[in-house]
Amino acid sequence: MAVGEDGRVTVTMTPTFAGCPALLEMERLIVEKLAELGAEGAVQTILYPPWTSDWITAEGREKLRAFGLAPPAVHGGNINVTFFEPVACPRCGSTQTTLQNAFGSTLCRAIYTCHACQETFEQFKAL
């Protein structure tokens, strides 16, 4: 975030992927929130460096879990590894889960079923 000499706030945002269907809505909500806080603002979207799920903080991962969304594994750039690791259920913590569909409600999510608590949940994909 940067504040110009004119007091205008510019928020820099990197989307999870360039074709994210929520991009315009996120930009609108950011500008709306800035206005609520009394600032005139704009959003600058940058695509380089590309976003990676490794940027999600420990706090952010916990918030995803609390929301009911399994956070992605930390991969350090080797996302091939993540496809073979067990996914813990965000509700009960069990790793007795099965991938049901590689595509969830958005392209950045996958659908799993937990065999321990019988719940279906989504995992935020490692990107």
N, C-alpha and C. Protein backbone atom coordinates (compact mmCIF):
# COMPACT_ATOMS: atom_id res chain seq x y z
N MET A 1 0.85 -1.17 0.00
CA MET A 1 0.00 0.00 0.00
C MET A 1 0.90 1.23 0.00
N ALA A 2 0.52 2.20 -0.79
CA ALA A 2 1.28 3.44 -0.86
C ALA A 2 0.33 4.63 -0.78
N VAL A 3 0.78 5.71 -0.15
CA VAL A 3 0.01 6.93 -0.07
C VAL A 3 0.74 8.00 -0.86
N GLY A 4 0.06 8.54 -1.86
CA GLY A 4 0.68 9.56 -2.70
C GLY A 4 0.69 10.92 -2.01
N GLU A 5 1.38 11.89 -2.62
CA GLU A 5 1.44 13.24 -2.07
C GLU A 5 0.06 13.88 -1.96
N ASP A 6 -0.84 13.43 -2.85
CA ASP A 6 -2.20 13.98 -2.83
C ASP A 6 -3.09 13.28 -1.81
N GLY A 7 -2.53 12.33 -1.05
CA GLY A 7 -3.27 11.60 -0.03
C GLY A 7 -4.03 10.40 -0.56
N ARG A 8 -3.96 10.18 -1.85
CA ARG A 8 -4.64 9.03 -2.47
C ARG A 8 -3.90 7.74 -2.11
N VAL A 9 -4.64 6.72 -1.71
CA VAL A 9 -4.07 5.43 -1.30
C VAL A 9 -4.14 4.47 -2.49
N THR A 10 -3.02 3.83 -2.78
CA THR A 10 -2.98 2.81 -3.81
C THR A 10 -2.63 1.48 -3.16
N VAL A 11 -3.50 0.50 -3.30
CA VAL A 11 -3.28 -0.84 -2.78
C VAL A 11 -2.80 -1.70 -3.93
N THR A 12 -1.67 -2.37 -3.72
CA THR A 12 -1.13 -3.28 -4.73
C THR A 12 -1.59 -4.69 -4.39
N MET A 13 -2.14 -5.38 -5.38
CA MET A 13 -2.70 -6.71 -5.16
C MET A 13 -2.21 -7.66 -6.24
N THR A 14 -1.85 -8.87 -5.82
CA THR A 14 -1.50 -9.94 -6.76
C THR A 14 -2.56 -11.02 -6.63
N PRO A 15 -3.32 -11.30 -7.70
CA PRO A 15 -4.36 -12.33 -7.61
C PRO A 15 -3.75 -13.73 -7.60
N THR A 16 -4.54 -14.70 -7.13
CA THR A 16 -4.07 -16.08 -7.11
C THR A 16 -3.75 -16.57 -8.52
N PHE A 17 -4.51 -16.11 -9.50
CA PHE A 17 -4.17 -16.34 -10.90
C PHE A 17 -4.80 -15.24 -11.74
N ALA A 18 -4.18 -14.97 -12.89
CA ALA A 18 -4.56 -13.81 -13.70
C ALA A 18 -6.02 -13.83 -14.12
N GLY A 19 -6.60 -15.01 -14.32
CA GLY A 19 -7.98 -15.12 -14.76
C GLY A 19 -8.98 -15.27 -13.64
N CYS A 20 -8.62 -14.89 -12.43
CA CYS A 20 -9.51 -15.05 -11.28
C CYS A 20 -10.82 -14.32 -11.53
N PRO A 21 -11.97 -15.03 -11.47
CA PRO A 21 -13.25 -14.39 -11.75
C PRO A 21 -13.67 -13.38 -10.67
N ALA A 22 -13.04 -13.43 -9.52
CA ALA A 22 -13.39 -12.51 -8.43
C ALA A 22 -12.53 -11.25 -8.41
N LEU A 23 -11.62 -11.11 -9.35
CA LEU A 23 -10.66 -10.01 -9.34
C LEU A 23 -11.33 -8.64 -9.31
N LEU A 24 -12.29 -8.40 -10.20
CA LEU A 24 -12.95 -7.08 -10.23
C LEU A 24 -13.75 -6.82 -8.96
N GLU A 25 -14.36 -7.86 -8.41
CA GLU A 25 -15.13 -7.71 -7.17
C GLU A 25 -14.19 -7.39 -6.00
N MET A 26 -13.03 -8.05 -5.95
CA MET A 26 -12.06 -7.75 -4.88
C MET A 26 -11.57 -6.31 -4.98
N GLU A 27 -11.28 -5.86 -6.20
CA GLU A 27 -10.85 -4.47 -6.40
C GLU A 27 -11.93 -3.50 -5.93
N ARG A 28 -13.18 -3.78 -6.29
CA ARG A 28 -14.30 -2.92 -5.90
C ARG A 28 -14.42 -2.86 -4.39
N LEU A 29 -14.32 -4.01 -3.73
CA LEU A 29 -14.45 -4.06 -2.27
C LEU A 29 -13.31 -3.31 -1.57
N ILE A 30 -12.11 -3.38 -2.12
CA ILE A 30 -10.98 -2.66 -1.53
C ILE A 30 -11.20 -1.16 -1.62
N VAL A 31 -11.59 -0.68 -2.80
CA VAL A 31 -11.85 0.75 -2.98
C VAL A 31 -13.00 1.20 -2.08
N GLU A 32 -14.03 0.36 -1.97
CA GLU A 32 -15.17 0.67 -1.09
C GLU A 32 -14.73 0.78 0.37
N LYS A 33 -13.89 -0.14 0.82
CA LYS A 33 -13.41 -0.12 2.21
C LYS A 33 -12.54 1.11 2.47
N LEU A 34 -11.70 1.45 1.51
CA LEU A 34 -10.87 2.66 1.66
C LEU A 34 -11.77 3.89 1.82
N ALA A 35 -12.84 3.95 1.02
CA ALA A 35 -13.77 5.08 1.11
C ALA A 35 -14.44 5.12 2.48
N GLU A 36 -14.81 3.93 3.02
CA GLU A 36 -15.39 3.86 4.37
C GLU A 36 -14.44 4.43 5.42
N LEU A 37 -13.15 4.23 5.18
CA LEU A 37 -12.12 4.72 6.11
C LEU A 37 -11.73 6.17 5.84
N GLY A 38 -12.39 6.79 4.85
CA GLY A 38 -12.15 8.19 4.57
C GLY A 38 -11.01 8.47 3.60
N ALA A 39 -10.59 7.46 2.86
CA ALA A 39 -9.48 7.64 1.91
C ALA A 39 -9.96 7.41 0.49
N GLU A 40 -9.46 8.23 -0.40
CA GLU A 40 -9.71 7.98 -1.82
C GLU A 40 -8.65 6.99 -2.25
N GLY A 41 -9.06 5.95 -2.97
CA GLY A 41 -8.10 4.91 -3.28
C GLY A 41 -8.28 4.26 -4.62
N ALA A 42 -7.28 3.48 -4.95
CA ALA A 42 -7.26 2.72 -6.19
C ALA A 42 -6.52 1.42 -5.93
N VAL A 43 -6.72 0.46 -6.82
CA VAL A 43 -6.05 -0.83 -6.71
C VAL A 43 -5.17 -1.01 -7.94
N GLN A 44 -3.93 -1.39 -7.70
CA GLN A 44 -3.01 -1.71 -8.78
C GLN A 44 -2.81 -3.22 -8.74
N THR A 45 -3.18 -3.91 -9.80
CA THR A 45 -3.02 -5.35 -9.87
C THR A 45 -1.71 -5.66 -10.57
N ILE A 46 -0.87 -6.47 -9.91
CA ILE A 46 0.39 -6.88 -10.52
C ILE A 46 0.40 -8.40 -10.65
N LEU A 47 1.03 -8.88 -11.69
CA LEU A 47 1.07 -10.31 -11.96
C LEU A 47 2.47 -10.90 -11.80
N TYR A 48 3.46 -10.05 -11.53
CA TYR A 48 4.82 -10.55 -11.34
C TYR A 48 5.42 -9.93 -10.10
N PRO A 49 5.99 -10.70 -9.21
CA PRO A 49 6.11 -12.16 -9.34
C PRO A 49 4.73 -12.81 -9.18
N PRO A 50 4.54 -13.98 -9.80
CA PRO A 50 3.25 -14.64 -9.69
C PRO A 50 2.97 -15.05 -8.25
N TRP A 51 1.70 -14.99 -7.88
CA TRP A 51 1.28 -15.35 -6.54
C TRP A 51 1.53 -16.83 -6.30
N THR A 52 1.87 -17.17 -5.08
CA THR A 52 2.02 -18.56 -4.67
C THR A 52 1.33 -18.75 -3.33
N SER A 53 0.74 -19.92 -3.15
CA SER A 53 0.06 -20.19 -1.88
C SER A 53 1.04 -20.25 -0.72
N ASP A 54 2.34 -20.33 -1.00
CA ASP A 54 3.34 -20.26 0.07
C ASP A 54 3.34 -18.90 0.76
N TRP A 55 2.76 -17.88 0.12
CA TRP A 55 2.68 -16.54 0.71
C TRP A 55 1.64 -16.48 1.83
N ILE A 56 0.77 -17.47 1.95
CA ILE A 56 -0.25 -17.46 3.01
C ILE A 56 0.45 -17.65 4.35
N THR A 57 0.24 -16.73 5.25
CA THR A 57 0.88 -16.78 6.57
C THR A 57 0.26 -17.90 7.43
N ALA A 58 0.93 -18.23 8.52
CA ALA A 58 0.40 -19.22 9.46
C ALA A 58 -0.96 -18.76 9.97
N GLU A 59 -1.10 -17.47 10.25
CA GLU A 59 -2.38 -16.92 10.71
C GLU A 59 -3.45 -17.07 9.63
N GLY A 60 -3.07 -16.79 8.39
CA GLY A 60 -4.00 -16.93 7.27
C GLY A 60 -4.44 -18.37 7.07
N ARG A 61 -3.50 -19.31 7.22
CA ARG A 61 -3.82 -20.73 7.09
C ARG A 61 -4.80 -21.16 8.19
N GLU A 62 -4.59 -20.64 9.38
CA GLU A 62 -5.50 -20.98 10.48
C GLU A 62 -6.89 -20.39 10.23
N LYS A 63 -6.95 -19.19 9.66
CA LYS A 63 -8.24 -18.57 9.35
C LYS A 63 -8.97 -19.36 8.27
N LEU A 64 -8.24 -19.88 7.27
CA LEU A 64 -8.86 -20.73 6.26
C LEU A 64 -9.45 -21.98 6.91
N ARG A 65 -8.67 -22.61 7.80
CA ARG A 65 -9.12 -23.82 8.48
C ARG A 65 -10.38 -23.53 9.32
N ALA A 66 -10.36 -22.41 10.06
CA ALA A 66 -11.51 -22.04 10.89
C ALA A 66 -12.75 -21.77 10.04
N PHE A 67 -12.54 -21.31 8.83
CA PHE A 67 -13.64 -21.05 7.89
C PHE A 67 -14.20 -22.35 7.32
N GLY A 68 -13.44 -23.46 7.47
CA GLY A 68 -13.87 -24.75 6.94
C GLY A 68 -13.21 -25.13 5.64
N LEU A 69 -12.15 -24.42 5.29
CA LEU A 69 -11.42 -24.66 4.04
C LEU A 69 -10.03 -25.16 4.39
N ALA A 70 -9.66 -26.33 3.91
CA ALA A 70 -8.33 -26.87 4.21
C ALA A 70 -7.27 -26.02 3.51
N PRO A 71 -6.27 -25.55 4.25
CA PRO A 71 -5.22 -24.74 3.62
C PRO A 71 -4.31 -25.61 2.76
N PRO A 72 -3.66 -25.02 1.77
CA PRO A 72 -2.75 -25.78 0.93
C PRO A 72 -1.47 -26.11 1.68
N ALA A 73 -0.80 -27.17 1.24
CA ALA A 73 0.49 -27.52 1.82
C ALA A 73 1.53 -26.49 1.40
N VAL A 74 2.50 -26.25 2.25
CA VAL A 74 3.64 -25.40 1.89
C VAL A 74 4.53 -26.25 1.00
N HIS A 75 4.88 -25.74 -0.18
CA HIS A 75 5.58 -26.56 -1.15
C HIS A 75 6.95 -26.05 -1.56
N GLY A 76 7.26 -24.81 -1.23
CA GLY A 76 8.58 -24.28 -1.58
C GLY A 76 8.89 -24.29 -3.07
N GLY A 77 7.86 -24.26 -3.90
CA GLY A 77 8.06 -24.22 -5.34
C GLY A 77 7.91 -25.57 -6.02
N ASN A 78 7.83 -26.66 -5.27
CA ASN A 78 7.68 -27.99 -5.86
C ASN A 78 6.25 -28.48 -5.62
N ILE A 79 5.31 -28.02 -6.46
CA ILE A 79 3.91 -28.36 -6.21
C ILE A 79 3.57 -29.79 -6.61
N ASN A 80 4.43 -30.46 -7.33
CA ASN A 80 4.17 -31.87 -7.66
C ASN A 80 4.03 -32.70 -6.40
N VAL A 81 4.78 -32.36 -5.37
CA VAL A 81 4.75 -33.10 -4.11
C VAL A 81 3.38 -33.02 -3.46
N THR A 82 2.70 -31.90 -3.58
CA THR A 82 1.45 -31.69 -2.86
C THR A 82 0.33 -32.60 -3.31
N PHE A 83 0.37 -33.13 -4.52
CA PHE A 83 -0.71 -33.97 -5.01
C PHE A 83 -0.75 -35.34 -4.33
N PHE A 84 0.33 -35.72 -3.67
CA PHE A 84 0.40 -37.04 -3.06
C PHE A 84 0.36 -36.99 -1.53
N GLU A 85 0.33 -35.81 -0.96
CA GLU A 85 0.29 -35.68 0.49
C GLU A 85 -1.15 -35.77 0.97
N PRO A 86 -1.36 -36.38 2.15
CA PRO A 86 -2.73 -36.42 2.68
C PRO A 86 -3.22 -35.03 3.03
N VAL A 87 -4.51 -34.82 2.86
CA VAL A 87 -5.13 -33.54 3.18
C VAL A 87 -5.91 -33.70 4.47
N ALA A 88 -5.60 -32.88 5.46
CA ALA A 88 -6.29 -32.95 6.75
C ALA A 88 -7.64 -32.25 6.66
N CYS A 89 -8.64 -32.89 7.21
CA CYS A 89 -9.99 -32.32 7.27
C CYS A 89 -9.94 -31.08 8.16
N PRO A 90 -10.47 -29.94 7.69
CA PRO A 90 -10.45 -28.73 8.52
C PRO A 90 -11.42 -28.80 9.70
N ARG A 91 -12.33 -29.75 9.68
CA ARG A 91 -13.31 -29.86 10.77
C ARG A 91 -12.83 -30.76 11.90
N CYS A 92 -12.26 -31.94 11.56
CA CYS A 92 -11.87 -32.88 12.62
C CYS A 92 -10.37 -33.17 12.65
N GLY A 93 -9.63 -32.74 11.62
CA GLY A 93 -8.18 -32.94 11.59
C GLY A 93 -7.72 -34.27 11.04
N SER A 94 -8.64 -35.18 10.73
CA SER A 94 -8.27 -36.49 10.21
C SER A 94 -7.65 -36.37 8.82
N THR A 95 -6.69 -37.24 8.54
CA THR A 95 -6.11 -37.30 7.19
C THR A 95 -6.70 -38.48 6.41
N GLN A 96 -7.75 -39.08 6.93
CA GLN A 96 -8.46 -40.15 6.22
C GLN A 96 -9.44 -39.49 5.25
N THR A 97 -8.89 -38.86 4.22
CA THR A 97 -9.69 -38.10 3.27
C THR A 97 -9.45 -38.59 1.86
N THR A 98 -10.42 -38.36 1.00
CA THR A 98 -10.33 -38.78 -0.39
C THR A 98 -10.70 -37.60 -1.30
N LEU A 99 -9.91 -37.41 -2.34
CA LEU A 99 -10.23 -36.39 -3.34
C LEU A 99 -11.47 -36.84 -4.11
N GLN A 100 -12.48 -35.99 -4.15
CA GLN A 100 -13.71 -36.29 -4.90
C GLN A 100 -13.70 -35.62 -6.27
N ASN A 101 -13.16 -34.41 -6.31
CA ASN A 101 -13.12 -33.67 -7.57
C ASN A 101 -11.99 -32.66 -7.49
N ALA A 102 -11.15 -32.61 -8.50
CA ALA A 102 -10.02 -31.68 -8.52
C ALA A 102 -10.47 -30.23 -8.70
N PHE A 103 -11.75 -30.03 -9.04
CA PHE A 103 -12.27 -28.69 -9.24
C PHE A 103 -13.44 -28.46 -8.30
N GLY A 104 -13.29 -27.48 -7.42
CA GLY A 104 -14.34 -27.14 -6.46
C GLY A 104 -15.18 -25.99 -6.96
N SER A 105 -15.65 -25.17 -6.02
CA SER A 105 -16.52 -24.06 -6.37
C SER A 105 -15.79 -22.99 -7.18
N THR A 106 -14.46 -22.98 -7.09
CA THR A 106 -13.64 -22.11 -7.92
C THR A 106 -12.46 -22.94 -8.41
N LEU A 107 -11.74 -22.45 -9.40
CA LEU A 107 -10.60 -23.19 -9.95
C LEU A 107 -9.48 -23.40 -8.93
N CYS A 108 -9.42 -22.56 -7.90
CA CYS A 108 -8.34 -22.68 -6.92
C CYS A 108 -8.71 -23.58 -5.74
N ARG A 109 -9.78 -24.36 -5.86
CA ARG A 109 -10.20 -25.27 -4.79
C ARG A 109 -10.45 -26.67 -5.34
N ALA A 110 -10.29 -27.67 -4.47
CA ALA A 110 -10.60 -29.07 -4.79
C ALA A 110 -11.56 -29.59 -3.71
N ILE A 111 -12.36 -30.59 -4.05
CA ILE A 111 -13.36 -31.13 -3.13
C ILE A 111 -12.88 -32.48 -2.58
N TYR A 112 -12.95 -32.61 -1.26
CA TYR A 112 -12.55 -33.84 -0.55
C TYR A 112 -13.70 -34.32 0.33
N THR A 113 -13.64 -35.60 0.68
CA THR A 113 -14.55 -36.17 1.68
C THR A 113 -13.70 -36.74 2.80
N CYS A 114 -14.11 -36.49 4.03
CA CYS A 114 -13.44 -37.02 5.22
C CYS A 114 -14.16 -38.30 5.64
N HIS A 115 -13.40 -39.39 5.77
CA HIS A 115 -14.01 -40.67 6.16
C HIS A 115 -14.19 -40.77 7.68
N ALA A 116 -13.54 -39.91 8.44
CA ALA A 116 -13.68 -39.94 9.90
C ALA A 116 -14.96 -39.25 10.36
N CYS A 117 -15.21 -38.02 9.86
CA CYS A 117 -16.41 -37.29 10.30
C CYS A 117 -17.51 -37.25 9.23
N GLN A 118 -17.23 -37.84 8.06
CA GLN A 118 -18.20 -37.94 6.97
C GLN A 118 -18.57 -36.59 6.35
N GLU A 119 -17.73 -35.59 6.55
CA GLU A 119 -18.00 -34.26 5.98
C GLU A 119 -17.30 -34.10 4.64
N THR A 120 -17.90 -33.34 3.76
CA THR A 120 -17.26 -32.93 2.51
C THR A 120 -16.72 -31.54 2.74
N PHE A 121 -15.52 -31.27 2.22
CA PHE A 121 -14.90 -29.96 2.38
C PHE A 121 -14.07 -29.63 1.16
N GLU A 122 -13.70 -28.37 1.05
CA GLU A 122 -12.82 -27.94 -0.03
C GLU A 122 -11.44 -27.64 0.51
N GLN A 123 -10.44 -27.87 -0.33
CA GLN A 123 -9.08 -27.49 -0.01
C GLN A 123 -8.65 -26.40 -0.99
N PHE A 124 -8.03 -25.38 -0.45
CA PHE A 124 -7.43 -24.37 -1.30
C PHE A 124 -6.21 -25.01 -1.94
N LYS A 125 -6.13 -25.04 -3.27
CA LYS A 125 -5.05 -25.72 -3.97
C LYS A 125 -3.70 -25.01 -3.76
N ALA A 126 -2.65 -25.80 -3.75
CA ALA A 126 -1.31 -25.24 -3.73
C ALA A 126 -1.03 -24.65 -5.11
N LEU A 127 -0.63 -23.41 -5.14
CA LEU A 127 -0.32 -22.73 -6.40
C LEU A 127 1.05 -22.12 -6.31
